[in-house]
Protein backbone atom coordinates (compact mmCIF):
# COMPACT_ATOMS: atom_id res chain seq x y z
CA MET A 1 76.83 136.18 114.30
CA SER A 2 76.55 132.60 115.55
CA THR A 3 79.63 130.42 115.40
CA GLY A 4 80.14 126.76 114.75
CA ASN A 5 81.57 124.29 112.27
CA ILE A 6 80.64 124.48 108.59
CA PRO A 7 81.18 121.00 107.05
CA LEU A 8 82.92 121.21 103.68
CA PHE A 9 84.36 117.84 102.71
CA GLU A 10 83.60 114.28 103.82
CA LEU A 11 86.19 111.55 103.47
CA ASP A 12 86.26 107.85 104.39
CA VAL A 13 89.66 106.80 105.72
CA ALA A 14 90.49 103.07 105.60
CA VAL A 15 92.75 101.76 108.35
CA PRO A 16 94.20 98.27 107.67
CA SER A 17 93.04 95.98 110.46
CA GLN A 18 92.90 92.33 111.41
CA LEU A 19 90.59 89.94 113.23
CA TYR A 20 92.22 87.47 115.62
CA MET A 21 91.05 84.37 117.41
CA ILE A 22 92.43 84.48 120.96
CA GLU A 23 92.40 81.62 123.44
CA TYR A 24 92.73 82.68 127.06
CA SER A 25 92.00 81.65 130.61
CA LEU A 26 90.46 83.97 133.19
CA VAL A 27 90.38 83.96 136.94
CA GLU A 28 86.71 84.69 137.47
CA ARG A 29 84.93 85.38 140.73
CA GLY A 30 81.32 84.35 140.89
CA SER A 31 78.54 83.80 143.39
CA LEU A 32 77.47 80.32 144.52
CA PRO A 33 74.14 78.54 144.12
CA PHE A 34 71.39 79.37 146.61
CA VAL A 35 71.93 76.68 149.28
CA PRO A 36 75.78 76.71 149.34
CA ASP A 37 75.64 80.52 149.40
CA PHE A 38 73.41 80.56 152.50
CA LEU A 39 75.36 77.77 154.17
CA LEU A 40 78.57 79.80 153.97
CA LYS A 41 76.74 82.96 155.05
CA LEU A 42 75.51 81.12 158.15
CA LEU A 43 78.99 79.83 159.04
CA HIS A 44 80.42 83.29 158.40
CA VAL A 45 78.28 84.52 161.33
CA ALA A 46 79.47 81.83 163.79
CA ASP A 47 80.39 78.17 164.25
CA PHE A 48 77.43 75.79 164.70
CA LEU A 49 76.81 72.22 165.70
CA PRO A 50 75.83 69.98 162.76
CA GLN A 51 72.32 69.42 164.13
CA GLU A 52 71.82 73.18 164.42
CA VAL A 53 72.76 73.67 160.76
CA ALA A 54 70.57 70.74 159.69
CA ARG A 55 67.61 72.12 161.65
CA PHE A 56 68.11 75.59 160.07
CA PHE A 57 67.88 74.18 156.54
CA GLY A 58 65.48 71.35 157.32
CA PHE A 59 68.11 68.77 156.29
CA SER A 60 68.65 65.23 157.46
CA ARG A 61 72.16 64.41 158.66
CA LYS A 62 72.84 62.67 155.34
CA GLU A 63 71.67 65.73 153.37
CA LEU A 64 73.84 67.98 155.52
CA ASP A 65 76.92 65.81 154.90
CA HIS A 66 76.25 66.06 151.17
CA ALA A 67 75.85 69.87 151.34
CA VAL A 68 79.15 70.45 153.16
CA SER A 69 81.23 67.72 151.46
CA SER A 70 82.50 69.92 148.62
CA PHE A 71 83.51 72.67 151.06
CA LEU A 72 85.28 70.14 153.30
CA SER A 73 87.25 68.73 150.38
CA SER A 74 88.15 72.25 149.12
CA GLY A 75 89.37 73.21 152.60
CA GLU A 76 86.90 76.08 153.02
CA VAL A 77 84.91 74.42 155.86
CA GLU A 78 86.14 72.18 158.71
CA TYR A 79 84.92 70.40 161.81
CA ARG A 80 86.30 71.95 165.00
CA LYS A 81 87.60 69.93 167.94
CA ASP A 82 84.41 70.74 169.82
CA GLY A 83 82.36 69.15 167.02
CA ARG A 84 81.11 72.41 165.55
CA ILE A 85 81.32 73.33 161.85
CA GLY A 86 83.13 76.52 160.90
CA LEU A 87 84.94 78.37 158.11
CA THR A 88 88.65 77.97 157.60
CA SER A 89 90.88 80.92 156.69
CA LYS A 90 90.35 79.91 153.05
CA GLY A 91 86.60 79.99 153.57
CA ARG A 92 86.73 83.40 155.25
CA ALA A 93 88.75 84.68 152.26
CA LEU A 94 85.62 84.22 150.15
CA PHE A 95 84.17 87.20 152.05
CA ILE A 96 87.22 89.49 151.79
CA ASP A 97 85.68 91.85 149.20
CA THR A 98 82.11 91.53 150.41
CA GLU A 99 80.39 91.17 153.77
CA THR A 100 77.16 89.80 152.34
CA SER A 101 77.88 87.03 149.80
CA PRO A 102 80.81 84.65 149.30
CA MET A 103 82.59 84.87 145.95
CA ARG A 104 84.59 81.92 144.67
CA GLU A 105 87.44 82.15 142.16
CA SER A 106 87.61 79.76 139.24
CA ILE A 107 89.76 79.31 136.14
CA VAL A 108 87.64 79.48 132.98
CA ASP A 109 88.98 78.80 129.47
CA ARG A 110 87.58 80.89 126.61
CA ARG A 111 88.08 81.30 122.87
CA LYS A 112 86.78 84.45 121.20
CA GLN A 113 87.52 86.79 118.32
CA PHE A 114 88.84 90.34 118.68
CA CYS A 115 89.75 93.08 116.18
CA PHE A 116 92.67 95.51 116.25
CA ASP A 117 93.92 98.07 113.74
CA LEU A 118 97.46 97.68 112.41
CA LEU A 119 98.46 101.30 113.02
CA THR A 120 98.05 101.63 116.78
CA PHE A 121 96.55 98.24 117.70
CA SER A 122 93.58 99.94 119.28
CA TYR A 123 90.70 97.62 120.12
CA LEU A 124 87.97 97.84 117.45
CA GLY A 125 85.40 95.35 118.69
CA ASN A 126 84.68 91.67 118.17
CA GLN A 127 83.29 91.84 114.62
CA SER A 128 85.25 92.71 111.48
CA MET A 129 83.92 95.44 109.22
CA SER A 130 83.50 95.36 105.47
CA GLY A 131 86.69 94.22 103.76
CA ARG A 132 86.24 96.63 100.81
CA ASP A 133 88.41 99.70 100.70
CA SER A 134 87.15 101.24 97.46
CA ARG A 135 86.05 104.87 97.77
CA THR A 136 88.43 105.40 100.68
CA LEU A 137 91.78 106.95 101.49
CA ARG A 138 93.76 103.89 102.54
CA LEU A 139 96.48 104.47 105.12
CA SER A 140 99.86 102.74 105.00
CA VAL A 141 101.11 100.62 107.90
CA ASP A 142 104.60 99.68 108.98
CA ARG A 143 105.67 96.32 107.55
CA GLU A 144 107.36 95.34 110.80
CA LYS A 145 104.08 95.83 112.65
CA VAL A 146 102.30 93.62 110.14
CA ALA A 147 104.96 90.93 110.56
CA GLU A 148 104.61 91.05 114.37
CA SER A 149 100.87 91.63 114.37
CA GLN A 150 99.93 88.53 116.39
CA SER A 151 102.33 89.39 119.19
CA LEU A 152 101.20 93.02 119.18
CA ALA A 153 97.56 91.94 119.22
CA LYS A 154 98.21 89.83 122.34
CA ASP A 155 99.85 92.82 124.04
CA SER A 156 96.95 95.07 123.11
CA PHE A 157 94.45 92.48 124.33
CA GLN A 158 96.06 92.56 127.77
CA THR A 159 96.39 96.37 127.77
CA ASN A 160 92.76 96.91 126.76
CA ILE A 161 91.31 94.10 128.89
CA HIS A 162 89.19 96.50 130.98
CA GLU A 163 87.67 98.17 127.88
CA ILE A 164 86.99 94.77 126.29
CA TYR A 165 85.28 93.57 129.46
CA LYS A 166 83.15 96.70 129.78
CA LYS A 167 81.92 96.22 126.19
CA GLY A 168 80.76 92.73 127.11
CA HIS A 169 83.17 90.98 124.73
CA LEU A 170 85.41 89.20 127.26
CA VAL A 171 82.97 86.83 128.96
CA ASP A 172 79.65 85.33 127.98
CA ASP A 173 77.61 87.09 130.65
CA ARG A 174 77.04 90.81 131.03
CA PRO A 175 79.90 92.66 132.76
CA ARG A 176 79.48 92.84 136.52
CA GLY A 177 82.00 93.70 139.15
CA GLU A 178 85.69 94.09 138.51
CA THR A 179 87.50 92.95 135.38
CA PRO A 180 88.51 89.27 135.61
CA GLU A 181 92.21 88.55 135.89
CA ILE A 182 93.99 86.95 132.94
CA TYR A 183 95.41 83.62 134.10
CA LYS A 184 96.94 82.55 130.78
CA LEU A 185 97.03 83.52 127.07
CA SER A 186 97.22 80.27 125.15
CA ASP A 187 97.06 81.33 121.51
CA CYS A 188 96.46 84.29 119.21
CA SER A 189 95.99 83.58 115.50
CA LYS A 190 95.09 85.92 112.65
CA ARG A 191 91.85 84.98 110.91
CA LYS A 192 90.98 87.84 108.58
CA ASP A 193 92.25 91.10 107.09
CA PHE A 194 89.79 93.98 106.75
CA VAL A 195 89.68 97.75 106.77
CA TYR A 196 88.24 99.85 109.54
CA LYS A 197 86.55 102.91 108.05
CA ILE A 198 86.64 106.28 109.78
CA VAL A 199 84.42 109.06 108.44
CA GLU A 200 86.39 112.30 108.55
CA VAL A 201 84.70 115.66 108.00
CA LEU A 202 86.73 118.76 107.19
CA SER A 203 84.98 121.85 108.54
CA LEU A 204 85.59 125.56 108.67
CA ASN A 205 85.21 126.98 112.15
CA ALA A 206 83.09 130.11 111.88
CA GLY A 207 84.66 131.54 115.02
CA THR A 208 88.37 130.93 114.43
CA TYR A 209 88.25 130.71 110.59
CA GLN A 210 90.41 127.59 110.74
CA PHE A 211 90.06 124.50 108.54
CA ALA A 212 90.24 121.29 110.59
CA PHE A 213 88.75 117.83 110.92
CA GLU A 214 85.90 117.53 113.38
CA ASP A 215 86.89 115.96 116.71
CA GLN A 216 86.27 112.27 117.26
CA ASP A 217 87.06 109.89 120.12
CA GLY A 218 89.10 106.72 119.88
CA LEU A 219 91.54 105.94 117.09
CA PRO A 220 91.17 109.33 115.27
CA GLU A 221 92.75 111.14 118.22
CA SER A 222 95.90 108.96 118.14
CA ASP A 223 99.08 110.75 117.08
CA THR A 224 100.09 107.73 115.01
CA TYR A 225 96.80 107.79 113.12
CA ILE A 226 97.00 111.56 112.55
CA ARG A 227 100.53 111.26 111.14
CA ALA A 228 99.51 108.46 108.79
CA ARG A 229 96.43 110.40 107.66
CA THR A 230 98.48 113.55 107.04
CA GLU A 231 101.02 111.63 104.99
CA ALA A 232 98.34 109.99 102.86
CA LEU A 233 96.51 113.27 102.29
CA GLY A 234 99.72 115.05 101.35
CA SER A 235 100.14 112.87 98.28
CA ALA A 236 96.45 112.93 97.32
CA CYS A 237 95.55 116.62 97.71
CA GLY A 238 97.37 118.11 94.72
CA SER A 239 99.05 121.51 94.83
CA ASN A 240 98.02 125.14 95.15
CA ASN A 241 95.60 125.88 92.30
CA ILE A 242 94.45 129.41 93.07
CA ASN A 243 95.57 130.70 89.65
CA GLN A 244 93.59 128.07 87.76
CA ILE A 245 90.48 128.79 89.82
CA SER A 246 90.86 132.52 89.20
CA LYS A 247 90.98 131.94 85.43
CA ILE A 248 87.89 129.72 85.41
CA ALA A 249 85.91 132.09 87.66
CA ASN A 250 86.78 134.95 85.29
CA LEU A 251 85.68 132.88 82.30
CA LEU A 252 82.37 132.04 83.98
CA GLU A 253 81.92 135.68 85.10
CA ASP A 254 81.64 134.45 88.68
CA GLU A 255 82.28 137.68 90.58
CA HIS A 256 81.17 136.18 93.88
CA THR A 257 83.92 133.55 93.86
CA LEU A 258 86.50 136.06 92.66
CA ARG A 259 85.77 138.16 95.76
CA LEU A 260 86.68 135.16 97.93
CA LEU A 261 90.16 134.87 96.50
CA GLU A 262 93.32 136.29 97.99
CA ASN A 263 96.96 135.95 96.94
CA GLU A 264 97.52 132.31 97.91
CA GLY A 265 94.04 130.88 98.42
CA VAL A 266 90.53 131.42 99.65
CA ASN A 267 89.84 134.06 102.31
CA SER A 268 88.58 131.85 105.16
CA GLU A 269 87.02 134.68 107.18
CA ARG A 270 85.01 135.96 104.23
CA LEU A 271 84.07 132.39 103.31
CA ALA A 272 82.79 131.69 106.83
CA LEU A 273 80.68 134.86 106.92
CA LEU A 274 79.13 134.24 103.51
CA ALA A 275 78.58 130.52 104.15
CA LEU A 276 76.74 131.20 107.40
CA ASP A 277 74.62 133.84 105.68
CA GLU A 278 73.68 131.40 102.89
CA LEU A 279 73.06 128.46 105.20
CA GLN A 280 70.75 130.62 107.31
CA GLY A 281 68.62 131.31 104.23
CA HIS A 282 69.72 134.88 103.55
CA GLY A 283 70.75 134.35 99.91
CA SER A 284 69.63 137.27 97.72
CA GLU A 285 69.49 135.80 94.18
CA SER A 286 66.44 133.72 93.36
CA ASP A 287 67.92 131.94 90.32
CA LYS A 288 71.39 131.52 91.77
CA ARG A 289 72.66 130.54 95.18
CA ARG A 290 76.07 129.75 96.60
CA LEU A 291 77.29 126.24 97.37
CA TYR A 292 79.64 125.47 100.24
CA GLY A 293 81.03 121.95 100.52
CA SER A 294 80.86 118.81 98.40
CA LEU A 295 77.77 118.07 96.32
CA GLN A 296 77.41 114.76 98.19
CA LEU A 297 77.05 116.46 101.58
CA LYS A 298 73.54 115.88 102.84
CA ARG A 299 72.51 119.55 102.91
CA ASN A 300 73.63 120.05 99.28
CA TRP A 301 72.60 116.75 97.73
CA GLN A 302 69.09 116.76 99.15
CA THR A 303 68.28 120.09 97.49
CA ILE A 304 70.03 119.30 94.22
CA PHE A 305 68.51 115.84 93.84
CA GLU A 306 64.97 117.02 94.59
CA THR A 307 65.37 119.76 91.94
CA LEU A 308 66.75 117.20 89.48
CA LYS A 309 63.98 114.72 90.20
CA SER A 310 61.27 117.33 89.64
CA ALA A 311 62.85 118.41 86.34
CA VAL A 312 63.24 114.86 84.99
CA GLU A 313 59.72 113.82 85.95
CA ALA A 314 58.23 117.03 84.53
CA ASP A 315 59.90 116.63 81.15
CA GLY A 316 57.52 113.93 80.01
CA ASN A 317 58.80 112.39 76.79
CA GLU A 318 61.67 114.82 76.41
CA GLU A 319 65.10 113.29 76.90
CA ALA A 320 66.86 114.55 80.03
CA GLU A 321 70.64 114.94 79.75
CA LEU A 322 72.75 115.11 82.88
CA ILE A 323 76.54 115.45 82.97
CA TRP A 324 78.46 115.12 86.21
CA LEU A 325 82.10 116.06 85.60
CA ALA A 326 84.63 115.27 88.34
CA PRO A 327 87.67 117.45 89.15
CA SER A 328 91.17 116.14 88.43
CA CYS A 329 93.22 118.41 90.73
CA HIS A 330 93.18 115.83 93.54
CA ASP A 331 92.56 112.12 94.14
CA LEU A 332 89.85 112.41 96.81
CA TRP A 333 86.71 113.04 94.75
CA GLY A 334 84.03 110.49 95.63
CA LYS A 335 86.03 108.93 98.47
CA CYS A 336 83.06 108.50 100.78
CA GLU A 337 80.00 106.32 101.22
CA ARG A 338 77.68 109.20 100.35
CA HIS A 339 79.12 109.21 96.84
CA GLY A 340 77.86 105.69 96.21
CA GLN A 341 74.45 106.63 97.61
CA ALA A 342 74.26 109.65 95.31
CA LEU A 343 75.17 107.57 92.25
CA SER A 344 72.55 104.98 93.17
CA GLU A 345 69.86 107.64 93.40
CA LEU A 346 70.85 109.06 90.02
CA HIS A 347 70.87 105.65 88.34
CA GLU A 348 67.50 104.73 89.80
CA LEU A 349 65.97 108.05 88.75
CA PHE A 350 67.16 107.86 85.16
CA SER A 351 66.39 104.14 84.85
CA LYS A 352 62.75 104.75 85.74
CA HIS A 353 62.17 107.05 82.78
CA GLN A 354 62.47 105.48 79.35
CA SER A 355 63.23 108.80 77.70
CA ALA A 356 66.02 109.56 80.19
CA LYS A 357 67.69 106.17 80.69
CA ASN A 358 70.60 107.03 78.37
CA GLY A 359 70.85 110.62 79.52
CA LEU A 360 73.06 110.09 82.58
CA LYS A 361 76.81 110.60 82.09
CA VAL A 362 79.26 110.68 84.97
CA TYR A 363 82.68 111.79 83.66
CA VAL A 364 85.79 110.83 85.63
CA PRO A 365 89.31 112.07 84.75
CA LEU A 366 92.04 109.66 83.57
CA PRO A 367 95.76 110.31 82.97
CA ASP A 368 95.53 108.90 79.43
CA ASP A 369 93.50 106.54 77.28
CA ARG A 370 95.75 103.52 77.97
CA ASP A 371 95.74 103.59 81.77
CA ASN A 372 93.72 100.42 82.40
CA ARG A 373 94.47 100.48 86.12
CA ALA A 374 92.89 103.93 86.46
CA LYS A 375 89.91 102.77 84.41
CA ASN A 376 89.36 99.76 86.66
CA THR A 377 89.59 101.95 89.76
CA ALA A 378 87.02 104.35 88.28
CA ARG A 379 84.68 101.44 87.57
CA ARG A 380 84.97 100.11 91.13
CA GLU A 381 84.44 103.48 92.75
CA ASN A 382 81.48 104.43 90.55
CA GLU A 383 79.92 101.02 89.94
CA GLU A 384 76.41 102.15 90.91
CA VAL A 385 76.08 104.28 87.78
CA GLY A 386 76.60 101.28 85.48
CA GLU A 387 76.77 102.17 81.78
CA GLY A 388 76.50 105.84 82.65
CA LEU A 389 80.21 105.99 83.56
CA PHE A 390 82.37 107.91 81.07
CA GLY A 391 86.03 108.86 81.02
CA PHE A 392 87.94 111.91 79.84
CA ILE A 393 91.62 112.72 79.67
CA GLU A 394 92.57 115.28 82.31
CA SER A 395 92.53 118.93 81.28
CA ASP A 396 94.64 121.57 83.03
CA GLU A 397 91.99 124.17 82.25
CA LEU A 398 89.23 122.22 84.02
CA SER A 399 91.27 120.46 86.72
CA PRO A 400 89.82 122.36 89.75
CA LEU A 401 86.25 122.25 88.40
CA GLU A 402 83.36 119.95 89.30
CA VAL A 403 80.18 120.37 87.28
CA LEU A 404 76.73 118.81 87.55
CA LEU A 405 74.74 120.06 84.56
CA LEU A 406 71.15 119.18 83.64
CA LYS A 407 70.80 120.49 80.11
CA ASP A 408 68.42 123.47 79.78
CA HIS A 409 67.53 123.34 83.49
CA PHE A 410 70.29 124.04 86.00
CA VAL A 411 73.98 123.76 86.76
CA ALA A 412 75.97 123.17 89.95
CA VAL A 413 79.59 124.31 89.85
CA LEU A 414 82.24 123.70 92.50
CA TYR A 415 85.81 124.99 92.50
CA HIS A 416 88.02 122.59 94.47
CA PHE A 417 90.65 124.66 96.27
CA THR A 418 93.73 122.54 96.97
CA ASP A 419 96.89 123.32 98.90
CA PRO A 420 98.14 120.75 101.46
CA ALA A 421 99.90 123.53 103.37
CA ARG A 422 96.58 125.33 103.94
CA TYR A 423 93.78 122.78 103.73
CA PRO A 424 93.93 119.13 104.92
CA THR A 425 91.51 118.21 102.11
CA PRO A 426 90.10 120.04 99.08
CA VAL A 427 87.76 122.93 99.90
CA PRO A 428 84.82 122.92 97.45
CA VAL A 429 83.08 126.28 96.93
CA GLY A 430 80.80 127.33 94.08
CA PHE A 431 77.22 128.01 92.99
CA PHE A 432 73.93 126.47 91.89
CA SER A 433 72.08 128.30 89.14
CA ASN A 434 69.19 127.99 86.69
CA ASN A 435 70.12 131.29 85.06
CA ALA A 436 70.27 130.85 81.27
CA ASP A 437 73.55 132.76 80.94
CA ASP A 438 75.25 130.65 83.61
CA LEU A 439 74.06 127.45 81.93
CA ALA A 440 75.31 128.61 78.53
CA ARG A 441 78.75 129.60 79.82
CA VAL A 442 79.30 126.39 81.76
CA GLN A 443 77.91 124.15 79.02
CA SER A 444 80.11 125.85 76.42
CA LEU A 445 83.22 125.38 78.60
CA VAL A 446 82.54 121.70 79.32
CA THR A 447 81.45 120.79 75.79
CA SER A 448 84.35 122.56 74.06
CA THR A 449 86.88 120.95 76.41
CA LEU A 450 85.51 117.44 75.93
CA LYS A 451 85.62 117.91 72.16
CA GLU A 452 89.33 118.71 72.24
CA TYR A 453 92.16 116.45 71.17
CA THR A 454 95.19 116.01 73.40
CA ASN A 455 98.75 116.73 72.30
CA ALA A 456 99.02 113.02 71.50
CA GLY A 457 96.14 113.33 69.06
CA VAL A 458 93.66 111.42 71.25
CA PRO A 459 90.07 112.66 71.76
CA ARG A 460 89.73 114.01 75.30
CA ASP A 461 86.28 112.40 75.61
CA LEU A 462 86.98 108.67 75.95
CA GLY A 463 83.33 107.68 75.93
CA PRO A 464 81.75 104.96 78.13
CA LEU A 465 84.08 103.04 80.42
CA LYS A 466 82.49 99.67 79.73
CA ARG A 467 83.93 96.51 81.20
CA LYS A 468 85.59 94.27 78.62
């Protein structure tokens, strides 16, 4: 059996960051223009009489005086007692780090923008990213760090000066030679707040059977970042829901999923073996195959959307009805850029077909019918679907379940396993089926639940979440 990582859940993490304008002075060493460069090279070999130097360059005496005047005034060249021209100790210092070309130091003032995150003050580049943090897990930062951010940014600028120079952000020209020395930091002022997005992918290692985020360089490997991410996930991942999943799998007669369960959660070794088998194309049922990972993952969404597109376009004048029901057992559903892309594709597909334009319904869970803040969040995070966004009051019976159902055609079902002690993020596992019995069971479960009334006497189906 081959080993490797099996991606299961993609998540965009938003790290609060700031863009600063920094004014600084650098001690830069640069080469000289052609004639001065060769003049110093000549005098570096030996002292010469003025007429010898003039003859070498083809200068008149007046042109020679002009050529050496700046070096005489800077103290790098002098006339000897014997009348010859030669380098002073200051002039010879221009050749200390090189035997071929003189390099002169100069103080250059610059004013540029630089970005740092507010967690670790790692250098993020010289351009701020998108300021939107919808569809992300936003990390919290220490208030003291925010209050002292300008001072901390200056410190980080000096600490990361070599990295900044290598990226070509410190000076106007391409990096060459050693990093210039900072002569003075004049000012550092905050110009803009933004969020730096990190795409995190939870995978199951098929060799070790461990759930972990895939390795990344830079900020994601910082202990401070990892602690902040763990804290944010702990409050967003829900609790152990193995009993609820077991009940739903029994109700849907999903023996395959039931075989994955153990006392406290999913059997990771069995899951890895079956997932690899499915991903390598060894699935045995023609009208039903297993799903591993979020629907929005590229490998899942590409297949599902192509099947959906073919069904909608083949229906002719028949009205296509699609329900996408989100789970309520955690707060991380749709927290990635791929979610927005998937919604856009759905909206475009259904908008193209007159008979299907009202057939798209994306249902998101809400705590109750009066939670306007939750409604506004749902609208922001699912804006691409437009009038196809619907709300429903959370149901304990359906909380781990995600369903994408195209009436009379197919159904995709995912059970979202949650347990912060076992999985850093939800672990979605389920099936895709066009079997009539599977469609009937899932449709009956979803429809009957949405038709319920809550204990407060409110319909569970809240209808379209239209903006007022």
